[in-house]
């Protein structure tokens, strides 16, 4: 939940390792219950680390019905929660092409934060000061391999595991229940799969 403004903290609040893309999605869904309008979440990680997958789960947790995709070419996309849910809307930003400063100001994210949770991919060093309650989540694959892609080198995940490290940039964050909430969602998803297999 949103708390009083505090000093930035570099230490990790929580480290959670997911074993699949679905578990990464469920981690985002679990975090949604701990966020309020005005919260800024910065996602960092290499290409394919799971930033958009995580945001899809966060959207699901907020009751967003429309598909959440990477806003790479339009920079920012707003997703509204289901009518009557009482949950804040989600603003999803891809800051990879933004230089900071005027580029960020043009998006008017400070106004959006009044009634939204704002998630910014590739936002480190560009958007931290926009909110008094900012969370940095670093997503890292344990193994990557380099392969040529259309003349460039891209980092491609060597497996589906992902380590998510939560860090407070500003504000007082209490994320002590995130891991437990995520584990409950994973257990429910696994039970549903087992039920489907049994019925077949």
N, C-alpha and C. Protein backbone atom coordinates (compact mmCIF):
# COMPACT_ATOMS: atom_id res chain seq x y z
N UNK A 1 0.83 -1.18 0.00
CA UNK A 1 0.00 0.00 0.00
C UNK A 1 0.87 1.25 0.00
N UNK A 2 0.31 2.34 -0.49
CA UNK A 2 1.06 3.58 -0.50
C UNK A 2 1.24 4.07 0.92
N UNK A 3 2.48 4.47 1.24
CA UNK A 3 2.78 4.93 2.58
C UNK A 3 3.41 6.30 2.55
N UNK A 4 3.95 6.73 3.69
CA UNK A 4 4.58 8.03 3.77
C UNK A 4 5.87 8.04 2.99
N UNK A 5 6.23 9.22 2.51
CA UNK A 5 7.47 9.36 1.75
C UNK A 5 8.66 9.09 2.66
N UNK A 6 9.61 8.35 2.18
CA UNK A 6 10.82 8.06 2.94
C UNK A 6 12.04 8.27 2.08
N UNK A 7 13.20 8.04 2.63
CA UNK A 7 14.43 8.19 1.88
C UNK A 7 14.62 7.00 0.95
N UNK A 8 15.27 7.25 -0.21
CA UNK A 8 15.51 6.14 -1.14
C UNK A 8 16.32 5.05 -0.46
N UNK A 9 16.00 3.81 -0.75
CA UNK A 9 16.71 2.68 -0.18
C UNK A 9 17.25 1.81 -1.32
N UNK A 10 18.54 1.52 -1.26
CA UNK A 10 19.15 0.72 -2.31
C UNK A 10 19.01 -0.77 -2.03
N UNK A 11 18.79 -1.13 -0.77
CA UNK A 11 18.74 -2.54 -0.43
C UNK A 11 17.48 -3.20 -0.98
N UNK A 12 17.58 -4.49 -1.26
CA UNK A 12 16.45 -5.23 -1.82
C UNK A 12 15.39 -5.45 -0.76
N UNK A 13 14.14 -5.20 -1.12
CA UNK A 13 13.02 -5.47 -0.23
C UNK A 13 12.59 -6.92 -0.32
N UNK A 14 12.74 -7.48 -1.50
CA UNK A 14 12.28 -8.85 -1.75
C UNK A 14 12.98 -9.39 -2.98
N UNK A 15 13.34 -10.67 -2.95
CA UNK A 15 13.87 -11.38 -4.11
C UNK A 15 12.99 -12.60 -4.35
N UNK A 16 12.45 -12.71 -5.55
CA UNK A 16 11.57 -13.83 -5.87
C UNK A 16 11.98 -14.42 -7.21
N UNK A 17 12.20 -15.73 -7.25
CA UNK A 17 12.56 -16.39 -8.50
C UNK A 17 11.34 -17.12 -9.06
N UNK A 18 11.00 -16.79 -10.30
CA UNK A 18 9.90 -17.48 -10.98
C UNK A 18 10.48 -18.54 -11.90
N UNK A 19 9.69 -19.57 -12.18
CA UNK A 19 10.16 -20.71 -12.97
C UNK A 19 9.60 -20.73 -14.38
N UNK A 20 8.71 -19.80 -14.71
CA UNK A 20 8.10 -19.79 -16.04
C UNK A 20 7.53 -18.41 -16.31
N UNK A 21 7.17 -18.17 -17.57
CA UNK A 21 6.53 -16.90 -17.93
C UNK A 21 5.22 -16.74 -17.17
N UNK A 22 4.48 -17.84 -17.01
CA UNK A 22 3.21 -17.77 -16.29
C UNK A 22 3.42 -17.38 -14.83
N UNK A 23 4.47 -17.88 -14.20
CA UNK A 23 4.76 -17.50 -12.82
C UNK A 23 5.16 -16.03 -12.73
N UNK A 24 5.88 -15.53 -13.74
CA UNK A 24 6.23 -14.11 -13.78
C UNK A 24 4.97 -13.27 -13.90
N UNK A 25 4.04 -13.72 -14.74
CA UNK A 25 2.76 -13.02 -14.90
C UNK A 25 1.99 -13.01 -13.57
N UNK A 26 1.98 -14.12 -12.89
CA UNK A 26 1.27 -14.20 -11.61
C UNK A 26 1.93 -13.34 -10.54
N UNK A 27 3.24 -13.13 -10.64
CA UNK A 27 3.92 -12.26 -9.70
C UNK A 27 3.44 -10.82 -9.87
N UNK A 28 3.28 -10.39 -11.12
CA UNK A 28 2.71 -9.07 -11.36
C UNK A 28 1.31 -8.95 -10.82
N UNK A 29 0.53 -10.01 -11.00
CA UNK A 29 -0.85 -10.03 -10.50
C UNK A 29 -0.87 -9.90 -8.98
N UNK A 30 0.04 -10.59 -8.31
CA UNK A 30 0.11 -10.53 -6.84
C UNK A 30 0.47 -9.12 -6.37
N UNK A 31 1.41 -8.48 -7.07
CA UNK A 31 1.85 -7.14 -6.67
C UNK A 31 0.72 -6.12 -6.76
N UNK A 32 -0.20 -6.31 -7.70
CA UNK A 32 -1.28 -5.34 -7.92
C UNK A 32 -2.04 -5.04 -6.63
N UNK A 33 -2.18 -6.03 -5.76
CA UNK A 33 -2.93 -5.84 -4.52
C UNK A 33 -2.21 -4.92 -3.54
N UNK A 34 -0.93 -4.64 -3.80
CA UNK A 34 -0.14 -3.82 -2.89
C UNK A 34 0.09 -2.42 -3.44
N UNK A 35 -0.55 -2.10 -4.55
CA UNK A 35 -0.35 -0.81 -5.21
C UNK A 35 -1.60 0.06 -5.14
N UNK A 36 -1.39 1.37 -5.16
CA UNK A 36 -2.47 2.35 -5.17
C UNK A 36 -2.20 3.38 -6.26
N UNK A 37 -3.22 4.16 -6.60
CA UNK A 37 -3.03 5.28 -7.51
C UNK A 37 -1.93 6.19 -6.95
N UNK A 38 -1.06 6.65 -7.82
CA UNK A 38 0.07 7.47 -7.41
C UNK A 38 1.37 6.71 -7.31
N UNK A 39 1.29 5.38 -7.35
CA UNK A 39 2.50 4.56 -7.29
C UNK A 39 3.15 4.47 -8.66
N UNK A 40 4.47 4.56 -8.67
CA UNK A 40 5.26 4.44 -9.89
C UNK A 40 6.13 3.20 -9.78
N UNK A 41 6.04 2.33 -10.78
CA UNK A 41 6.82 1.10 -10.81
C UNK A 41 7.75 1.15 -12.02
N UNK A 42 9.04 1.05 -11.78
CA UNK A 42 10.04 1.04 -12.85
C UNK A 42 10.51 -0.40 -13.05
N UNK A 43 10.43 -0.88 -14.28
CA UNK A 43 10.86 -2.24 -14.61
C UNK A 43 12.15 -2.18 -15.41
N UNK A 44 13.16 -2.88 -14.92
CA UNK A 44 14.45 -2.96 -15.62
C UNK A 44 14.79 -4.41 -15.90
N UNK A 45 15.41 -4.65 -17.04
CA UNK A 45 15.81 -6.00 -17.42
C UNK A 45 16.12 -6.05 -18.90
N UNK A 46 16.94 -7.00 -19.29
CA UNK A 46 17.32 -7.13 -20.69
C UNK A 46 16.12 -7.53 -21.55
N UNK A 47 16.29 -7.45 -22.85
CA UNK A 47 15.27 -7.87 -23.78
C UNK A 47 14.87 -9.31 -23.48
N UNK A 48 13.57 -9.54 -23.32
CA UNK A 48 13.08 -10.88 -23.03
C UNK A 48 13.12 -11.28 -21.57
N UNK A 49 13.45 -10.34 -20.68
CA UNK A 49 13.54 -10.68 -19.26
C UNK A 49 12.18 -10.89 -18.61
N UNK A 50 11.12 -10.35 -19.22
CA UNK A 50 9.78 -10.55 -18.67
C UNK A 50 9.07 -9.29 -18.24
N UNK A 51 9.53 -8.12 -18.69
CA UNK A 51 8.93 -6.85 -18.25
C UNK A 51 7.47 -6.73 -18.67
N UNK A 52 7.20 -7.00 -19.94
CA UNK A 52 5.81 -6.90 -20.41
C UNK A 52 4.96 -8.02 -19.84
N UNK A 53 5.52 -9.21 -19.71
CA UNK A 53 4.80 -10.33 -19.10
C UNK A 53 4.38 -9.98 -17.67
N UNK A 54 5.30 -9.39 -16.91
CA UNK A 54 5.01 -8.95 -15.55
C UNK A 54 3.88 -7.93 -15.55
N UNK A 55 3.94 -6.98 -16.49
CA UNK A 55 2.92 -5.93 -16.56
C UNK A 55 1.56 -6.50 -16.94
N UNK A 56 1.54 -7.53 -17.77
CA UNK A 56 0.28 -8.19 -18.11
C UNK A 56 -0.39 -8.74 -16.85
N UNK A 57 0.41 -9.34 -15.98
CA UNK A 57 -0.13 -9.86 -14.73
C UNK A 57 -0.62 -8.76 -13.82
N UNK A 58 0.12 -7.66 -13.77
CA UNK A 58 -0.29 -6.53 -12.96
C UNK A 58 -1.63 -5.99 -13.45
N UNK A 59 -1.78 -5.91 -14.77
CA UNK A 59 -3.04 -5.48 -15.35
C UNK A 59 -4.18 -6.40 -14.96
N UNK A 60 -3.92 -7.70 -15.01
CA UNK A 60 -4.95 -8.68 -14.62
C UNK A 60 -5.36 -8.48 -13.16
N UNK A 61 -4.38 -8.19 -12.31
CA UNK A 61 -4.67 -7.96 -10.91
C UNK A 61 -5.49 -6.70 -10.66
N UNK A 62 -5.40 -5.75 -11.60
CA UNK A 62 -6.16 -4.51 -11.49
C UNK A 62 -7.52 -4.60 -12.17
N UNK A 63 -7.80 -5.75 -12.78
CA UNK A 63 -9.08 -5.91 -13.45
C UNK A 63 -9.12 -5.39 -14.86
N UNK A 64 -7.95 -5.21 -15.49
CA UNK A 64 -7.89 -4.77 -16.88
C UNK A 64 -8.32 -5.92 -17.78
N UNK A 65 -9.27 -5.68 -18.65
CA UNK A 65 -9.77 -6.73 -19.53
C UNK A 65 -9.09 -6.73 -20.90
N UNK A 66 -8.66 -5.56 -21.36
CA UNK A 66 -8.02 -5.50 -22.67
C UNK A 66 -6.61 -6.07 -22.60
N UNK A 67 -6.12 -6.49 -23.74
CA UNK A 67 -4.79 -7.11 -23.79
C UNK A 67 -3.71 -6.08 -23.51
N UNK A 68 -2.78 -6.43 -22.65
CA UNK A 68 -1.64 -5.56 -22.33
C UNK A 68 -0.46 -6.00 -23.18
N UNK A 69 -0.02 -5.11 -24.07
CA UNK A 69 1.13 -5.39 -24.92
C UNK A 69 2.18 -4.30 -24.73
N UNK A 70 3.38 -4.56 -25.19
CA UNK A 70 4.45 -3.57 -25.05
C UNK A 70 4.13 -2.33 -25.87
N UNK A 71 4.17 -1.13 -25.25
CA UNK A 71 3.86 0.11 -25.97
C UNK A 71 5.08 0.69 -26.68
N UNK A 72 5.92 -0.17 -27.26
CA UNK A 72 7.19 0.26 -27.82
C UNK A 72 7.05 1.40 -28.81
N UNK A 73 6.10 1.31 -29.72
CA UNK A 73 6.02 2.29 -30.80
C UNK A 73 5.13 3.48 -30.48
N UNK A 74 4.23 3.33 -29.50
CA UNK A 74 3.39 4.47 -29.13
C UNK A 74 3.83 5.08 -27.80
N UNK A 75 4.85 4.52 -27.19
CA UNK A 75 5.49 5.00 -25.96
C UNK A 75 4.64 4.75 -24.71
N UNK A 76 3.36 5.15 -24.74
CA UNK A 76 2.52 5.00 -23.54
C UNK A 76 1.12 4.54 -23.92
N UNK A 77 0.56 3.69 -23.10
CA UNK A 77 -0.80 3.19 -23.34
C UNK A 77 -1.54 3.13 -21.99
N UNK A 78 -2.79 3.57 -21.98
CA UNK A 78 -3.61 3.56 -20.77
C UNK A 78 -4.60 2.41 -20.82
N UNK A 79 -4.65 1.64 -19.73
CA UNK A 79 -5.58 0.52 -19.61
C UNK A 79 -6.51 0.79 -18.43
N UNK A 80 -7.79 0.77 -18.67
CA UNK A 80 -8.76 1.04 -17.61
C UNK A 80 -9.26 -0.26 -16.99
N UNK A 81 -9.40 -0.23 -15.68
CA UNK A 81 -9.93 -1.39 -14.96
C UNK A 81 -11.40 -1.57 -15.30
N UNK A 82 -11.90 -2.75 -15.03
CA UNK A 82 -13.31 -3.04 -15.29
C UNK A 82 -14.20 -2.05 -14.56
N UNK A 83 -15.22 -1.57 -15.24
CA UNK A 83 -16.14 -0.58 -14.67
C UNK A 83 -16.73 -1.08 -13.36
N UNK A 84 -16.69 -0.21 -12.35
CA UNK A 84 -17.25 -0.55 -11.05
C UNK A 84 -16.30 -1.27 -10.12
N UNK A 85 -15.08 -1.57 -10.60
CA UNK A 85 -14.13 -2.30 -9.76
C UNK A 85 -13.54 -1.42 -8.66
N UNK A 86 -13.53 -0.11 -8.89
CA UNK A 86 -12.95 0.80 -7.92
C UNK A 86 -11.44 0.81 -7.92
N UNK A 87 -10.83 0.10 -8.86
CA UNK A 87 -9.37 0.03 -8.92
C UNK A 87 -8.82 1.09 -9.87
N UNK A 88 -7.59 1.55 -9.61
CA UNK A 88 -7.00 2.57 -10.48
C UNK A 88 -6.69 2.01 -11.85
N UNK A 89 -6.58 2.92 -12.84
CA UNK A 89 -6.20 2.48 -14.17
C UNK A 89 -4.69 2.26 -14.22
N UNK A 90 -4.25 1.60 -15.26
CA UNK A 90 -2.84 1.28 -15.46
C UNK A 90 -2.31 2.06 -16.65
N UNK A 91 -1.24 2.81 -16.45
CA UNK A 91 -0.55 3.49 -17.54
C UNK A 91 0.77 2.76 -17.76
N UNK A 92 0.95 2.22 -18.95
CA UNK A 92 2.11 1.39 -19.29
C UNK A 92 2.99 2.16 -20.27
N UNK A 93 4.24 2.39 -19.90
CA UNK A 93 5.15 3.23 -20.68
C UNK A 93 6.40 2.43 -21.06
N UNK A 94 6.85 2.60 -22.29
CA UNK A 94 8.14 2.07 -22.73
C UNK A 94 9.06 3.26 -22.94
N UNK A 95 10.02 3.44 -22.04
CA UNK A 95 10.90 4.61 -22.07
C UNK A 95 12.21 4.36 -22.79
N UNK A 96 12.31 3.26 -23.52
CA UNK A 96 13.59 2.90 -24.15
C UNK A 96 14.10 4.01 -25.06
N UNK A 97 13.19 4.63 -25.82
CA UNK A 97 13.58 5.66 -26.77
C UNK A 97 13.59 7.07 -26.18
N UNK A 98 13.20 7.20 -24.94
CA UNK A 98 13.14 8.52 -24.31
C UNK A 98 14.51 8.91 -23.76
N UNK A 99 14.85 10.18 -23.94
CA UNK A 99 16.13 10.68 -23.44
C UNK A 99 16.01 11.22 -22.02
N UNK A 100 14.77 11.30 -21.52
CA UNK A 100 14.55 11.94 -20.23
C UNK A 100 14.15 13.39 -20.45
N UNK A 101 14.10 14.19 -19.40
CA UNK A 101 13.82 15.61 -19.54
C UNK A 101 12.54 15.91 -20.29
N UNK A 102 12.67 16.64 -21.42
CA UNK A 102 11.51 17.07 -22.20
C UNK A 102 10.71 15.88 -22.72
N UNK A 103 11.38 14.79 -23.09
CA UNK A 103 10.67 13.61 -23.60
C UNK A 103 9.71 13.07 -22.55
N UNK A 104 10.17 13.00 -21.31
CA UNK A 104 9.33 12.50 -20.23
C UNK A 104 8.23 13.51 -19.89
N UNK A 105 8.58 14.80 -19.86
CA UNK A 105 7.60 15.84 -19.54
C UNK A 105 6.44 15.82 -20.53
N UNK A 106 6.72 15.52 -21.79
CA UNK A 106 5.69 15.53 -22.82
C UNK A 106 4.61 14.47 -22.56
N UNK A 107 4.94 13.43 -21.82
CA UNK A 107 3.96 12.38 -21.52
C UNK A 107 3.02 12.77 -20.38
N UNK A 108 3.38 13.81 -19.63
CA UNK A 108 2.55 14.30 -18.51
C UNK A 108 2.19 13.17 -17.54
N UNK A 109 3.18 12.39 -17.18
CA UNK A 109 2.93 11.25 -16.29
C UNK A 109 2.56 11.68 -14.87
N UNK A 110 3.00 12.86 -14.47
CA UNK A 110 2.65 13.34 -13.13
C UNK A 110 1.15 13.51 -12.99
N UNK A 111 0.50 14.00 -14.05
CA UNK A 111 -0.96 14.12 -14.02
C UNK A 111 -1.61 12.74 -14.03
N UNK A 112 -1.04 11.83 -14.81
CA UNK A 112 -1.59 10.47 -14.89
C UNK A 112 -1.54 9.77 -13.54
N UNK A 113 -0.51 10.07 -12.75
CA UNK A 113 -0.33 9.40 -11.47
C UNK A 113 -1.44 9.73 -10.47
N UNK A 114 -2.19 10.80 -10.71
CA UNK A 114 -3.23 11.20 -9.77
C UNK A 114 -4.29 10.11 -9.61
N UNK A 115 -4.58 9.39 -10.69
CA UNK A 115 -5.61 8.34 -10.61
C UNK A 115 -5.17 7.03 -11.24
N UNK A 116 -3.85 6.85 -11.35
CA UNK A 116 -3.32 5.67 -12.05
C UNK A 116 -2.12 5.10 -11.32
N UNK A 117 -1.86 3.84 -11.61
CA UNK A 117 -0.56 3.22 -11.32
C UNK A 117 0.22 3.29 -12.62
N UNK A 118 1.41 3.84 -12.58
CA UNK A 118 2.22 4.00 -13.79
C UNK A 118 3.38 3.00 -13.76
N UNK A 119 3.49 2.19 -14.80
CA UNK A 119 4.58 1.23 -14.95
C UNK A 119 5.44 1.67 -16.12
N UNK A 120 6.74 1.83 -15.89
CA UNK A 120 7.65 2.31 -16.92
C UNK A 120 8.75 1.28 -17.16
N UNK A 121 8.74 0.68 -18.34
CA UNK A 121 9.84 -0.19 -18.74
C UNK A 121 11.02 0.67 -19.19
N UNK A 122 12.23 0.25 -18.87
CA UNK A 122 13.45 0.98 -19.23
C UNK A 122 13.45 2.39 -18.63
N UNK A 123 12.90 2.56 -17.44
CA UNK A 123 12.74 3.91 -16.89
C UNK A 123 13.81 4.36 -15.92
N UNK A 124 14.76 3.49 -15.57
CA UNK A 124 15.76 3.87 -14.58
C UNK A 124 16.59 5.06 -15.08
N UNK A 125 16.75 6.06 -14.21
CA UNK A 125 17.51 7.25 -14.56
C UNK A 125 16.71 8.28 -15.33
N UNK A 126 15.41 8.01 -15.54
CA UNK A 126 14.59 8.92 -16.34
C UNK A 126 13.35 9.42 -15.62
N UNK A 127 12.75 8.59 -14.76
CA UNK A 127 11.43 8.95 -14.22
C UNK A 127 11.33 8.87 -12.70
N UNK A 128 12.42 8.58 -12.01
CA UNK A 128 12.34 8.33 -10.57
C UNK A 128 11.68 9.46 -9.78
N UNK A 129 11.87 10.70 -10.20
CA UNK A 129 11.40 11.84 -9.42
C UNK A 129 9.93 12.18 -9.65
N UNK A 130 9.24 11.42 -10.48
CA UNK A 130 7.85 11.75 -10.81
C UNK A 130 6.88 11.42 -9.67
N UNK A 131 7.26 10.53 -8.79
CA UNK A 131 6.37 10.12 -7.70
C UNK A 131 7.14 10.04 -6.39
N UNK A 132 6.43 10.30 -5.30
CA UNK A 132 7.02 10.17 -3.97
C UNK A 132 6.98 8.73 -3.49
N UNK A 133 6.43 7.85 -4.32
CA UNK A 133 6.33 6.43 -3.96
C UNK A 133 6.68 5.59 -5.18
N UNK A 134 7.98 5.32 -5.31
CA UNK A 134 8.50 4.67 -6.52
C UNK A 134 9.19 3.36 -6.17
N UNK A 135 8.85 2.33 -6.93
CA UNK A 135 9.40 0.99 -6.73
C UNK A 135 10.17 0.58 -7.98
N UNK A 136 11.38 0.10 -7.79
CA UNK A 136 12.19 -0.44 -8.89
C UNK A 136 12.17 -1.95 -8.82
N UNK A 137 11.84 -2.59 -9.94
CA UNK A 137 11.87 -4.05 -10.00
C UNK A 137 12.84 -4.46 -11.10
N UNK A 138 13.89 -5.16 -10.71
CA UNK A 138 14.88 -5.64 -11.66
C UNK A 138 14.57 -7.09 -12.00
N UNK A 139 14.39 -7.37 -13.28
CA UNK A 139 14.11 -8.72 -13.75
C UNK A 139 15.33 -9.24 -14.48
N UNK A 140 15.81 -10.40 -14.06
CA UNK A 140 17.04 -10.93 -14.64
C UNK A 140 16.91 -12.42 -14.90
N UNK A 141 17.29 -12.82 -16.10
CA UNK A 141 17.36 -14.25 -16.43
C UNK A 141 18.69 -14.79 -15.94
N UNK A 142 18.70 -15.96 -15.33
CA UNK A 142 19.96 -16.53 -14.83
C UNK A 142 20.96 -16.84 -15.93
N UNK A 143 20.46 -17.19 -17.12
CA UNK A 143 21.35 -17.55 -18.22
C UNK A 143 20.86 -16.89 -19.50
N UNK A 144 21.80 -16.35 -20.27
CA UNK A 144 21.46 -15.79 -21.58
C UNK A 144 22.52 -16.22 -22.57
N UNK A 145 22.16 -16.17 -23.82
CA UNK A 145 23.12 -16.47 -24.87
C UNK A 145 23.01 -15.39 -25.93
N UNK A 146 24.11 -15.05 -26.58
CA UNK A 146 24.10 -14.03 -27.61
C UNK A 146 23.96 -14.67 -28.98
N UNK A 147 22.99 -14.17 -29.76
CA UNK A 147 22.84 -14.64 -31.13
C UNK A 147 22.59 -13.43 -32.02
N UNK A 148 23.02 -13.48 -33.29
CA UNK A 148 22.79 -12.35 -34.18
C UNK A 148 21.33 -12.27 -34.61
N UNK A 149 20.75 -11.08 -34.57
CA UNK A 149 19.38 -10.85 -35.01
C UNK A 149 19.36 -9.63 -35.91
N UNK A 150 19.07 -9.83 -37.19
CA UNK A 150 19.03 -8.75 -38.19
C UNK A 150 20.22 -7.81 -38.06
N UNK A 151 21.39 -8.37 -37.95
CA UNK A 151 22.59 -7.57 -37.94
C UNK A 151 22.98 -7.02 -36.58
N UNK A 152 22.20 -7.30 -35.54
CA UNK A 152 22.54 -6.83 -34.20
C UNK A 152 22.65 -8.02 -33.27
N UNK A 153 23.11 -7.77 -32.07
CA UNK A 153 23.23 -8.82 -31.07
C UNK A 153 22.15 -8.61 -30.02
N UNK A 154 21.37 -9.62 -29.75
CA UNK A 154 20.30 -9.52 -28.75
C UNK A 154 20.51 -10.59 -27.69
N UNK A 155 20.13 -10.27 -26.48
CA UNK A 155 20.20 -11.25 -25.40
C UNK A 155 18.93 -12.08 -25.42
N UNK A 156 19.07 -13.37 -25.60
CA UNK A 156 17.93 -14.27 -25.66
C UNK A 156 17.97 -15.17 -24.43
N UNK A 157 16.88 -15.29 -23.70
CA UNK A 157 16.89 -16.12 -22.49
C UNK A 157 17.31 -17.56 -22.78
N UNK A 158 18.19 -18.08 -21.93
CA UNK A 158 18.60 -19.46 -22.08
C UNK A 158 17.63 -20.41 -21.40
N UNK A 159 16.78 -19.92 -20.52
CA UNK A 159 15.74 -20.72 -19.88
C UNK A 159 14.60 -19.80 -19.49
N UNK A 160 13.63 -20.33 -18.79
CA UNK A 160 12.45 -19.52 -18.47
C UNK A 160 12.46 -18.98 -17.05
N UNK A 161 13.51 -19.26 -16.29
CA UNK A 161 13.59 -18.74 -14.93
C UNK A 161 13.83 -17.23 -14.95
N UNK A 162 13.35 -16.55 -13.91
CA UNK A 162 13.54 -15.11 -13.81
C UNK A 162 13.69 -14.75 -12.34
N UNK A 163 14.70 -13.95 -12.02
CA UNK A 163 14.86 -13.44 -10.67
C UNK A 163 14.34 -12.00 -10.62
N UNK A 164 13.36 -11.76 -9.77
CA UNK A 164 12.79 -10.42 -9.61
C UNK A 164 13.27 -9.84 -8.29
N UNK A 165 13.96 -8.70 -8.37
CA UNK A 165 14.45 -8.02 -7.18
C UNK A 165 13.70 -6.70 -7.02
N UNK A 166 13.03 -6.53 -5.89
CA UNK A 166 12.24 -5.34 -5.61
C UNK A 166 13.07 -4.38 -4.77
N UNK A 167 13.17 -3.11 -5.21
CA UNK A 167 13.93 -2.10 -4.47
C UNK A 167 13.09 -0.83 -4.31
N UNK A 168 13.17 -0.21 -3.14
CA UNK A 168 12.48 1.05 -2.91
C UNK A 168 13.34 2.20 -3.41
N UNK A 169 12.78 3.02 -4.29
CA UNK A 169 13.45 4.24 -4.74
C UNK A 169 13.02 5.41 -3.86
N UNK A 170 11.73 5.47 -3.55
CA UNK A 170 11.20 6.48 -2.64
C UNK A 170 9.92 5.97 -2.01
N UNK A 171 9.63 6.44 -0.82
CA UNK A 171 8.43 6.02 -0.11
C UNK A 171 8.68 4.80 0.76
N UNK A 172 7.76 4.53 1.64
CA UNK A 172 7.85 3.36 2.52
C UNK A 172 7.03 2.22 1.93
N UNK A 173 7.69 1.16 1.55
CA UNK A 173 7.02 0.02 0.91
C UNK A 173 6.95 -1.15 1.87
N UNK A 174 5.77 -1.73 2.00
CA UNK A 174 5.61 -2.95 2.78
C UNK A 174 5.17 -4.05 1.82
N UNK A 175 6.13 -4.84 1.38
CA UNK A 175 5.86 -5.89 0.41
C UNK A 175 5.97 -7.28 1.04
N UNK A 176 5.84 -7.33 2.35
CA UNK A 176 6.06 -8.60 3.05
C UNK A 176 5.09 -9.69 2.63
N UNK A 177 3.93 -9.31 2.10
CA UNK A 177 2.95 -10.32 1.71
C UNK A 177 2.94 -10.69 0.25
N UNK A 178 3.80 -10.03 -0.55
CA UNK A 178 3.78 -10.28 -2.00
C UNK A 178 4.15 -11.72 -2.33
N UNK A 179 5.21 -12.21 -1.70
CA UNK A 179 5.67 -13.57 -2.02
C UNK A 179 4.60 -14.60 -1.67
N UNK A 180 3.96 -14.43 -0.52
CA UNK A 180 2.92 -15.37 -0.11
C UNK A 180 1.72 -15.32 -1.05
N UNK A 181 1.35 -14.10 -1.46
CA UNK A 181 0.22 -13.94 -2.39
C UNK A 181 0.54 -14.60 -3.73
N UNK A 182 1.78 -14.42 -4.18
CA UNK A 182 2.22 -15.02 -5.45
C UNK A 182 2.21 -16.55 -5.34
N UNK A 183 2.73 -17.08 -4.24
CA UNK A 183 2.76 -18.53 -4.06
C UNK A 183 1.35 -19.12 -4.07
N UNK A 184 0.39 -18.40 -3.50
CA UNK A 184 -1.00 -18.87 -3.50
C UNK A 184 -1.57 -18.91 -4.91
N UNK A 185 -1.25 -17.88 -5.72
CA UNK A 185 -1.71 -17.85 -7.10
C UNK A 185 -1.09 -18.98 -7.92
N UNK A 186 0.20 -19.23 -7.70
CA UNK A 186 0.89 -20.31 -8.42
C UNK A 186 0.28 -21.66 -8.04
N UNK A 187 0.03 -21.86 -6.75
CA UNK A 187 -0.56 -23.12 -6.29
C UNK A 187 -1.94 -23.33 -6.90
N UNK A 188 -2.74 -22.27 -6.97
CA UNK A 188 -4.08 -22.37 -7.55
C UNK A 188 -4.00 -22.69 -9.03
N UNK A 189 -3.05 -22.06 -9.73
CA UNK A 189 -2.89 -22.32 -11.17
C UNK A 189 -2.45 -23.75 -11.41
N UNK A 190 -1.53 -24.25 -10.60
CA UNK A 190 -1.06 -25.63 -10.74
C UNK A 190 -2.18 -26.63 -10.45
N UNK A 191 -3.00 -26.32 -9.45
CA UNK A 191 -4.12 -27.20 -9.11
C UNK A 191 -5.13 -27.25 -10.24
N UNK A 192 -5.34 -26.10 -10.90
CA UNK A 192 -6.28 -26.05 -12.02
C UNK A 192 -5.78 -26.90 -13.18
N UNK A 193 -4.47 -26.85 -13.43
CA UNK A 193 -3.88 -27.66 -14.50
C UNK A 193 -4.02 -29.14 -14.19
N UNK A 194 -3.76 -29.52 -12.94
CA UNK A 194 -3.89 -30.92 -12.54
C UNK A 194 -5.33 -31.41 -12.69
N UNK A 195 -6.28 -30.55 -12.37
CA UNK A 195 -7.70 -30.90 -12.50
C UNK A 195 -8.06 -31.14 -13.96
N UNK A 196 -7.56 -30.25 -14.84
CA UNK A 196 -7.82 -30.40 -16.27
C UNK A 196 -7.23 -31.70 -16.80
N UNK A 197 -6.01 -32.03 -16.34
CA UNK A 197 -5.36 -33.26 -16.79
C UNK A 197 -6.15 -34.49 -16.33
N UNK A 198 -6.69 -34.42 -15.11
CA UNK A 198 -7.46 -35.54 -14.58
C UNK A 198 -8.75 -35.74 -15.36
N UNK A 199 -9.41 -34.64 -15.72
CA UNK A 199 -10.67 -34.72 -16.45
C UNK A 199 -10.47 -35.28 -17.85
N UNK A 200 -9.29 -35.04 -18.42
CA UNK A 200 -8.99 -35.59 -19.74
C UNK A 200 -8.81 -37.10 -19.66
